Amino acid sequence: MKKILITIFAVFAFVQVNTAQNYEYQLVTVIESIVPNGVGRSRMITANDARDYKEFTSTRTEDENGRNKSNRSDIRVKGFDETKLLNFYNIGGIRFQNIAANDALVMSKINTMAEEGWELAFVTSGVESAGGKGDNNGIYITRYVFRKAK
């Protein structure tokens, strides 16, 4: 009985080690304007340049409460893909053809990434809509998180 249990444990440990995956991740951000009259800008953005967040992170404690002095120009990414999308609104109001066109472009990006071995792992979205009288600004943002095994 001990031999069987040891064998089962060894097989289980082997499977656990061999199925553990290390992934690399890629984000695709879609920003769609919900500004009336079609005056906003809509884009799909994918960063090509990498940044290490640790270089721009400070830790605050009760004793060490200094401000983060990272230089914004060092954080900025200049290498990225920018795909033009259409705005949700035009002069006549909401434009459903624009939404369908954006869907086709985003779907093309998702399919291309899948062909390149990326798996769509997570999708998150949020809206900052017009905030009432005098605020005609708004965006709809969606982040697609892809991963693939290293």
C-alpha atoms as a PDB file:
ATOM      1  CA  MET A   1       0.000   0.000   0.000  1.00  0.00           C
ATOM      2  CA  LYS A   2       2.890   2.370   0.818  1.00  0.00           C
ATOM      3  CA  LYS A   3       4.459   1.710  -2.577  1.00  0.00           C
ATOM      4  CA  ILE A   4       1.188   2.532  -4.336  1.00  0.00           C
ATOM      5  CA  LEU A   5       0.801   5.786  -2.375  1.00  0.00           C
ATOM      6  CA  ILE A   6       4.411   6.774  -3.043  1.00  0.00           C
ATOM      7  CA  THR A   7       3.959   6.025  -6.747  1.00  0.00           C
ATOM      8  CA  ILE A   8       0.739   8.044  -6.907  1.00  0.00           C
ATOM      9  CA  PHE A   9       2.430  10.933  -5.069  1.00  0.00           C
ATOM     10  CA  ALA A  10       5.447  10.819  -7.412  1.00  0.00           C
ATOM     11  CA  VAL A  11       3.228  10.816 -10.516  1.00  0.00           C
ATOM     12  CA  PHE A  12       1.153  13.680  -9.102  1.00  0.00           C
ATOM     13  CA  ALA A  13       4.299  15.725  -8.309  1.00  0.00           C
ATOM     14  CA  PHE A  14       5.694  15.053 -11.801  1.00  0.00           C
ATOM     15  CA  VAL A  15       2.429  16.172 -13.442  1.00  0.00           C
ATOM     16  CA  GLN A  16       2.301  19.318 -11.280  1.00  0.00           C
ATOM     17  CA  VAL A  17       5.864  20.322 -12.222  1.00  0.00           C
ATOM     18  CA  ASN A  18       5.358  19.628 -15.918  1.00  0.00           C
ATOM     19  CA  THR A  19       1.997  21.414 -16.189  1.00  0.00           C
ATOM     20  CA  ALA A  20       3.140  24.589 -14.448  1.00  0.00           C
ATOM     21  CA  GLN A  21       3.309  27.257 -17.132  1.00  0.00           C
ATOM     22  CA  ASN A  22       5.207  30.480 -17.300  1.00  0.00           C
ATOM     23  CA  TYR A  23       3.443  32.990 -19.493  1.00  0.00           C
ATOM     24  CA  GLU A  24       4.306  36.228 -21.165  1.00  0.00           C
ATOM     25  CA  TYR A  25       1.499  38.739 -21.506  1.00  0.00           C
ATOM     26  CA  GLN A  26       0.498  41.337 -24.086  1.00  0.00           C
ATOM     27  CA  LEU A  27      -2.149  44.039 -23.665  1.00  0.00           C
ATOM     28  CA  VAL A  28      -4.269  45.567 -26.377  1.00  0.00           C
ATOM     29  CA  THR A  29      -6.194  48.688 -25.347  1.00  0.00           C
ATOM     30  CA  VAL A  30      -9.196  49.908 -27.311  1.00  0.00           C
ATOM     31  CA  ILE A  31     -10.374  53.465 -26.648  1.00  0.00           C
ATOM     32  CA  GLU A  32     -13.624  54.410 -28.340  1.00  0.00           C
ATOM     33  CA  SER A  33     -14.924  57.965 -28.212  1.00  0.00           C
ATOM     34  CA  ILE A  34     -18.437  58.577 -26.960  1.00  0.00           C
ATOM     35  CA  VAL A  35     -18.170  62.318 -27.519  1.00  0.00           C
ATOM     36  CA  PRO A  36     -21.262  63.707 -29.277  1.00  0.00           C
ATOM     37  CA  ASN A  37     -21.002  64.998 -32.869  1.00  0.00           C
ATOM     38  CA  GLY A  38     -18.079  62.694 -33.726  1.00  0.00           C
ATOM     39  CA  VAL A  39     -15.338  65.053 -32.553  1.00  0.00           C
ATOM     40  CA  GLY A  40     -13.539  62.486 -30.365  1.00  0.00           C
ATOM     41  CA  ARG A  41     -10.673  60.151 -31.235  1.00  0.00           C
ATOM     42  CA  SER A  42     -10.871  56.359 -31.154  1.00  0.00           C
ATOM     43  CA  ARG A  43      -7.846  54.068 -31.322  1.00  0.00           C
ATOM     44  CA  MET A  44      -6.568  50.543 -30.685  1.00  0.00           C
ATOM     45  CA  ILE A  45      -3.135  50.661 -29.012  1.00  0.00           C
ATOM     46  CA  THR A  46      -0.495  47.954 -28.509  1.00  0.00           C
ATOM     47  CA  ALA A  47       2.849  48.828 -26.884  1.00  0.00           C
ATOM     48  CA  ASN A  48       5.942  47.503 -28.631  1.00  0.00           C
ATOM     49  CA  ASP A  49       8.440  48.858 -26.100  1.00  0.00           C
ATOM     50  CA  ALA A  50       8.796  47.141 -22.730  1.00  0.00           C
ATOM     51  CA  ARG A  51       9.084  48.849 -19.360  1.00  0.00           C
ATOM     52  CA  ASP A  52      10.056  47.380 -15.985  1.00  0.00           C
ATOM     53  CA  TYR A  53       7.614  48.779 -13.453  1.00  0.00           C
ATOM     54  CA  LYS A  54      10.232  48.352 -10.698  1.00  0.00           C
ATOM     55  CA  GLU A  55      12.305  51.166 -12.227  1.00  0.00           C
ATOM     56  CA  PHE A  56       9.440  53.590 -11.612  1.00  0.00           C
ATOM     57  CA  THR A  57       8.153  52.299  -8.281  1.00  0.00           C
ATOM     58  CA  SER A  58       8.843  53.621  -4.806  1.00  0.00           C
ATOM     59  CA  THR A  59       7.716  52.114  -1.539  1.00  0.00           C
ATOM     60  CA  ARG A  60       6.278  54.365   1.112  1.00  0.00           C
ATOM     61  CA  THR A  61       6.286  53.577   4.784  1.00  0.00           C
ATOM     62  CA  GLU A  62       5.531  55.528   7.920  1.00  0.00           C
ATOM     63  CA  ASP A  63       9.225  56.391   8.253  1.00  0.00           C
ATOM     64  CA  GLU A  64       9.995  56.793   4.532  1.00  0.00           C
ATOM     65  CA  ASN A  65       7.286  58.933   2.966  1.00  0.00           C
ATOM     66  CA  GLY A  66       9.193  60.562   0.089  1.00  0.00           C
ATOM     67  CA  ARG A  67       7.520  61.185  -3.207  1.00  0.00           C
ATOM     68  CA  ASN A  68       8.245  59.128  -6.323  1.00  0.00           C
ATOM     69  CA  LYS A  69      10.685  61.113  -8.449  1.00  0.00           C
ATOM     70  CA  SER A  70      10.469  59.035 -11.631  1.00  0.00           C
ATOM     71  CA  ASN A  71      10.887  61.083 -14.764  1.00  0.00           C
ATOM     72  CA  ARG A  72       7.741  60.974 -16.914  1.00  0.00           C
ATOM     73  CA  SER A  73       9.763  61.085 -20.126  1.00  0.00           C
ATOM     74  CA  ASP A  74      11.521  57.862 -19.087  1.00  0.00           C
ATOM     75  CA  ILE A  75       8.170  56.149 -18.569  1.00  0.00           C
ATOM     76  CA  ARG A  76       6.686  57.177 -21.923  1.00  0.00           C
ATOM     77  CA  VAL A  77       6.604  54.550 -24.644  1.00  0.00           C
ATOM     78  CA  LYS A  78       7.310  55.783 -28.153  1.00  0.00           C
ATOM     79  CA  GLY A  79       7.169  52.383 -29.864  1.00  0.00           C
ATOM     80  CA  PHE A  80       3.559  51.294 -30.225  1.00  0.00           C
ATOM     81  CA  ASP A  81       1.017  50.234 -32.818  1.00  0.00           C
ATOM     82  CA  GLU A  82      -1.902  52.634 -33.247  1.00  0.00           C
ATOM     83  CA  THR A  83      -4.918  51.514 -35.233  1.00  0.00           C
ATOM     84  CA  LYS A  84      -7.452  54.186 -36.078  1.00  0.00           C
ATOM     85  CA  LEU A  85     -11.024  53.343 -35.115  1.00  0.00           C
ATOM     86  CA  LEU A  86     -14.262  55.172 -35.792  1.00  0.00           C
ATOM     87  CA  ASN A  87     -16.139  57.190 -33.191  1.00  0.00           C
ATOM     88  CA  PHE A  88     -19.456  55.922 -31.819  1.00  0.00           C
ATOM     89  CA  TYR A  89     -21.169  59.211 -32.676  1.00  0.00           C
ATOM     90  CA  ASN A  90     -21.359  61.415 -35.745  1.00  0.00           C
ATOM     91  CA  ILE A  91     -23.400  64.560 -36.400  1.00  0.00           C
ATOM     92  CA  GLY A  92     -26.584  62.456 -36.669  1.00  0.00           C
ATOM     93  CA  GLY A  93     -26.053  60.639 -33.351  1.00  0.00           C
ATOM     94  CA  ILE A  94     -24.936  57.091 -32.617  1.00  0.00           C
ATOM     95  CA  ARG A  95     -23.541  55.391 -35.727  1.00  0.00           C
ATOM     96  CA  PHE A  96     -24.035  51.631 -35.706  1.00  0.00           C
ATOM     97  CA  GLN A  97     -21.893  51.139 -38.835  1.00  0.00           C
ATOM     98  CA  ASN A  98     -18.965  52.646 -36.929  1.00  0.00           C
ATOM     99  CA  ILE A  99     -19.466  50.180 -34.081  1.00  0.00           C
ATOM    100  CA  ALA A 100     -19.565  47.268 -36.565  1.00  0.00           C
ATOM    101  CA  ALA A 101     -16.415  48.582 -38.287  1.00  0.00           C
ATOM    102  CA  ASN A 102     -14.600  48.819 -34.941  1.00  0.00           C
ATOM    103  CA  ASP A 103     -15.732  45.301 -34.060  1.00  0.00           C
ATOM    104  CA  ALA A 104     -14.315  44.024 -37.360  1.00  0.00           C
ATOM    105  CA  LEU A 105     -10.930  45.676 -36.696  1.00  0.00           C
ATOM    106  CA  VAL A 106     -10.728  44.435 -33.094  1.00  0.00           C
ATOM    107  CA  MET A 107     -11.750  40.939 -34.210  1.00  0.00           C
ATOM    108  CA  SER A 108      -9.019  41.031 -36.851  1.00  0.00           C
ATOM    109  CA  LYS A 109      -6.446  41.910 -34.166  1.00  0.00           C
ATOM    110  CA  ILE A 110      -7.697  39.136 -31.856  1.00  0.00           C
ATOM    111  CA  ASN A 111      -7.620  36.573 -34.692  1.00  0.00           C
ATOM    112  CA  THR A 112      -4.122  37.651 -35.754  1.00  0.00           C
ATOM    113  CA  MET A 113      -2.823  37.340 -32.213  1.00  0.00           C
ATOM    114  CA  ALA A 114      -4.448  33.895 -31.889  1.00  0.00           C
ATOM    115  CA  GLU A 115      -2.693  32.822 -35.098  1.00  0.00           C
ATOM    116  CA  GLU A 116       0.585  34.040 -33.541  1.00  0.00           C
ATOM    117  CA  GLY A 117       0.037  31.755 -30.540  1.00  0.00           C
ATOM    118  CA  TRP A 118      -1.520  34.256 -28.117  1.00  0.00           C
ATOM    119  CA  GLU A 119      -4.498  33.189 -26.004  1.00  0.00           C
ATOM    120  CA  LEU A 120      -7.099  35.756 -24.927  1.00  0.00           C
ATOM    121  CA  ALA A 121      -6.922  35.436 -21.140  1.00  0.00           C
ATOM    122  CA  PHE A 122      -8.934  38.381 -19.778  1.00  0.00           C
ATOM    123  CA  VAL A 123     -11.047  41.282 -20.957  1.00  0.00           C
ATOM    124  CA  THR A 124     -11.860  44.332 -18.837  1.00  0.00           C
ATOM    125  CA  SER A 125     -13.761  47.458 -19.768  1.00  0.00           C
ATOM    126  CA  GLY A 126     -14.947  50.717 -18.342  1.00  0.00           C
ATOM    127  CA  VAL A 127     -16.744  53.880 -19.335  1.00  0.00           C
ATOM    128  CA  GLU A 128     -16.199  57.527 -18.539  1.00  0.00           C
ATOM    129  CA  SER A 129     -19.317  59.000 -19.999  1.00  0.00           C
ATOM    130  CA  ALA A 130     -20.473  62.574 -20.328  1.00  0.00           C
ATOM    131  CA  GLY A 131     -20.832  63.863 -16.762  1.00  0.00           C
ATOM    132  CA  GLY A 132     -23.849  66.080 -17.267  1.00  0.00           C
ATOM    133  CA  LYS A 133     -24.421  69.674 -18.268  1.00  0.00           C
ATOM    134  CA  GLY A 134     -21.270  71.195 -19.741  1.00  0.00           C
ATOM    135  CA  ASP A 135     -19.374  67.886 -19.917  1.00  0.00           C
ATOM    136  CA  ASN A 136     -19.524  66.486 -23.440  1.00  0.00           C
ATOM    137  CA  ASN A 137     -16.508  64.194 -23.055  1.00  0.00           C
ATOM    138  CA  GLY A 138     -16.476  60.457 -22.713  1.00  0.00           C
ATOM    139  CA  ILE A 139     -14.577  57.316 -23.612  1.00  0.00           C
ATOM    140  CA  TYR A 140     -15.233  53.612 -23.593  1.00  0.00           C
ATOM    141  CA  ILE A 141     -12.046  51.676 -22.857  1.00  0.00           C
ATOM    142  CA  THR A 142     -11.509  47.935 -23.188  1.00  0.00           C
ATOM    143  CA  ARG A 143      -8.309  46.095 -22.329  1.00  0.00           C
ATOM    144  CA  TYR A 144      -7.648  42.709 -23.861  1.00  0.00           C
ATOM    145  CA  VAL A 145      -5.019  40.683 -21.999  1.00  0.00           C
ATOM    146  CA  PHE A 146      -3.349  37.973 -24.060  1.00  0.00           C
ATOM    147  CA  ARG A 147      -0.903  35.341 -22.875  1.00  0.00           C
ATOM    148  CA  LYS A 148       1.246  32.642 -24.335  1.00  0.00           C
ATOM    149  CA  ALA A 149       3.550  30.084 -22.788  1.00  0.00           C
ATOM    150  CA  LYS A 150       7.200  31.099 -22.656  1.00  0.00           C
END
